[in-house]
Every structure is written in structure tokens, then in C-alpha cells.
């Protein structure tokens, strides 16, 4: 199966997990998804210092700068598989 197809399948599966992942894992999924679909961070940091969610999402994506899209897809797929198995 092609990597992009596996990635798209993992995206669907991530929305149907038996248990909702913790915030750290959700941020990891977010960062990997953004890196997979858009590449390196291409937005400015959130202007509101009290918007903690936007700041956390920005930082999760920022940590992945330089990671190739294919590598991000592979990590996303692996993370979703581990969540499905309850690891």
C-alpha cells in the first residue's frame, strides 16, 4: 500500500480510537499531521500569550521543522497503530 494511502487511513483511524489520547499525544499527532500535509511551519506564532492551545499546537509543529513529509507520515502511522493497540 502506498504511504499516502496508509497515512490517510491512519488519519481516519485516529478519529475512531477506543480511548481518547492524552494532550501530549494529541499534540504529537497534530504536529506530525501538519508536517505531513504542509511541511515546515509556515505560520507566525500566536499573538495572544494567553491562547495556550494555539501556542501548544504551534510549538508541537515547530519541533518538527526539517523533518521530511514522508518521515512525518511514517511516524504518524506508527503512532496511530500503537494507540490502536493500546500501547
C-alpha atoms as a PDB file:
ATOM      1  CA  UNK A   1       0.000   0.000   0.000  1.00  0.00           C
ATOM      2  CA  UNK A   2       1.282   3.459  -0.870  1.00  0.00           C
ATOM      3  CA  UNK A   3       2.492   5.671   2.015  1.00  0.00           C
ATOM      4  CA  UNK A   4      -0.063   8.418   1.322  1.00  0.00           C
ATOM      5  CA  UNK A   5      -2.890   5.883   1.352  1.00  0.00           C
ATOM      6  CA  UNK A   6      -1.663   4.405   4.640  1.00  0.00           C
ATOM      7  CA  UNK A   7      -1.400   7.917   6.067  1.00  0.00           C
ATOM      8  CA  UNK A   8      -4.955   8.813   5.023  1.00  0.00           C
ATOM      9  CA  UNK A   9      -6.182   5.562   6.568  1.00  0.00           C
ATOM     10  CA  UNK A  10      -4.322   6.382   9.806  1.00  0.00           C
ATOM     11  CA  UNK A  11      -5.959   9.836   9.882  1.00  0.00           C
ATOM     12  CA  UNK A  12      -9.395   8.194   9.724  1.00  0.00           C
ATOM     13  CA  UNK A  13      -8.375   5.631  12.346  1.00  0.00           C
ATOM     14  CA  UNK A  14      -7.086   8.352  14.677  1.00  0.00           C
ATOM     15  CA  UNK A  15     -10.615   9.720  14.906  1.00  0.00           C
ATOM     16  CA  UNK A  16     -12.047   6.321  15.881  1.00  0.00           C
ATOM     17  CA  UNK A  17      -9.733   5.263  18.705  1.00  0.00           C
ATOM     18  CA  UNK A  18     -11.233   3.315  21.608  1.00  0.00           C
ATOM     19  CA  UNK A  19      -9.737   5.809  24.090  1.00  0.00           C
ATOM     20  CA  UNK A  20      -9.017   9.486  23.606  1.00  0.00           C
ATOM     21  CA  UNK A  21      -5.247  10.045  23.821  1.00  0.00           C
ATOM     22  CA  UNK A  22      -3.773  12.442  26.365  1.00  0.00           C
ATOM     23  CA  UNK A  23      -2.943  16.021  25.471  1.00  0.00           C
ATOM     24  CA  UNK A  24       0.748  15.311  24.806  1.00  0.00           C
ATOM     25  CA  UNK A  25      -0.145  12.558  22.348  1.00  0.00           C
ATOM     26  CA  UNK A  26      -2.799  14.725  20.684  1.00  0.00           C
ATOM     27  CA  UNK A  27      -0.203  17.475  20.209  1.00  0.00           C
ATOM     28  CA  UNK A  28       2.231  14.940  18.776  1.00  0.00           C
ATOM     29  CA  UNK A  29      -0.438  13.764  16.330  1.00  0.00           C
ATOM     30  CA  UNK A  30      -1.211  17.369  15.413  1.00  0.00           C
ATOM     31  CA  UNK A  31       2.421  18.243  14.762  1.00  0.00           C
ATOM     32  CA  UNK A  32       3.037  15.128  12.693  1.00  0.00           C
ATOM     33  CA  UNK A  33      -0.165  15.707  10.720  1.00  0.00           C
ATOM     34  CA  UNK A  34       0.756  19.308   9.917  1.00  0.00           C
ATOM     35  CA  UNK A  35       4.323  18.357   8.982  1.00  0.00           C
ATOM     36  CA  UNK A  36       2.980  15.537   6.787  1.00  0.00           C
ATOM     37  CA  UNK A  37       0.461  17.666   4.969  1.00  0.00           C
ATOM     38  CA  UNK A  38       2.056  21.131   4.863  1.00  0.00           C
ATOM     39  CA  UNK A  39       5.755  20.634   5.538  1.00  0.00           C
ATOM     40  CA  UNK A  40       7.773  23.021   7.679  1.00  0.00           C
ATOM     41  CA  UNK A  41       5.979  25.536   9.873  1.00  0.00           C
ATOM     42  CA  UNK A  42       4.594  28.342   7.736  1.00  0.00           C
ATOM     43  CA  UNK A  43       2.655  30.488  10.190  1.00  0.00           C
ATOM     44  CA  UNK A  44       3.561  33.186  12.686  1.00  0.00           C
ATOM     45  CA  UNK A  45       3.396  32.416  16.409  1.00  0.00           C
ATOM     46  CA  UNK A  46       0.070  33.143  18.105  1.00  0.00           C
ATOM     47  CA  UNK A  47      -0.159  36.805  19.115  1.00  0.00           C
ATOM     48  CA  UNK A  48      -2.251  36.201  22.232  1.00  0.00           C
ATOM     49  CA  UNK A  49       0.051  34.978  25.043  1.00  0.00           C
ATOM     50  CA  UNK A  50      -2.977  33.539  26.854  1.00  0.00           C
ATOM     51  CA  UNK A  51      -4.084  31.322  23.975  1.00  0.00           C
ATOM     52  CA  UNK A  52      -2.355  28.279  25.409  1.00  0.00           C
ATOM     53  CA  UNK A  53      -3.905  25.814  22.957  1.00  0.00           C
ATOM     54  CA  UNK A  54      -2.703  27.744  19.904  1.00  0.00           C
ATOM     55  CA  UNK A  55       0.734  28.140  21.479  1.00  0.00           C
ATOM     56  CA  UNK A  56       0.979  24.403  22.239  1.00  0.00           C
ATOM     57  CA  UNK A  57      -0.063  23.495  18.694  1.00  0.00           C
ATOM     58  CA  UNK A  58       2.434  25.965  17.239  1.00  0.00           C
ATOM     59  CA  UNK A  59       5.245  24.505  19.364  1.00  0.00           C
ATOM     60  CA  UNK A  60       4.292  20.908  18.511  1.00  0.00           C
ATOM     61  CA  UNK A  61       4.622  21.690  14.810  1.00  0.00           C
ATOM     62  CA  UNK A  62       7.698  23.891  15.302  1.00  0.00           C
ATOM     63  CA  UNK A  63       9.604  20.968  16.857  1.00  0.00           C
ATOM     64  CA  UNK A  64       9.348  19.071  13.578  1.00  0.00           C
ATOM     65  CA  UNK A  65      10.946  21.700  11.327  1.00  0.00           C
ATOM     66  CA  UNK A  66      13.262  19.969   8.874  1.00  0.00           C
ATOM     67  CA  UNK A  67      11.552  16.574   9.072  1.00  0.00           C
ATOM     68  CA  UNK A  68      10.677  15.277   5.591  1.00  0.00           C
ATOM     69  CA  UNK A  69       6.963  14.834   4.902  1.00  0.00           C
ATOM     70  CA  UNK A  70       7.394  11.092   4.296  1.00  0.00           C
ATOM     71  CA  UNK A  71       9.129  10.620   7.660  1.00  0.00           C
ATOM     72  CA  UNK A  72       6.350  12.543   9.408  1.00  0.00           C
ATOM     73  CA  UNK A  73       3.742  10.354   7.696  1.00  0.00           C
ATOM     74  CA  UNK A  74       5.545   7.194   8.780  1.00  0.00           C
ATOM     75  CA  UNK A  75       5.736   8.405  12.395  1.00  0.00           C
ATOM     76  CA  UNK A  76       2.067   9.409  12.338  1.00  0.00           C
ATOM     77  CA  UNK A  77       1.068   5.963  11.040  1.00  0.00           C
ATOM     78  CA  UNK A  78       3.196   4.223  13.672  1.00  0.00           C
ATOM     79  CA  UNK A  79       1.766   6.366  16.480  1.00  0.00           C
ATOM     80  CA  UNK A  80      -1.827   5.692  15.443  1.00  0.00           C
ATOM     81  CA  UNK A  81      -1.099   1.941  15.217  1.00  0.00           C
ATOM     82  CA  UNK A  82       0.377   1.975  18.730  1.00  0.00           C
ATOM     83  CA  UNK A  83      -2.689   3.839  20.027  1.00  0.00           C
ATOM     84  CA  UNK A  84      -4.992   1.315  18.374  1.00  0.00           C
ATOM     85  CA  UNK A  85      -3.136  -1.487  20.123  1.00  0.00           C
ATOM     86  CA  UNK A  86      -3.415   0.302  23.446  1.00  0.00           C
ATOM     87  CA  UNK A  87       0.338   0.773  23.822  1.00  0.00           C
END
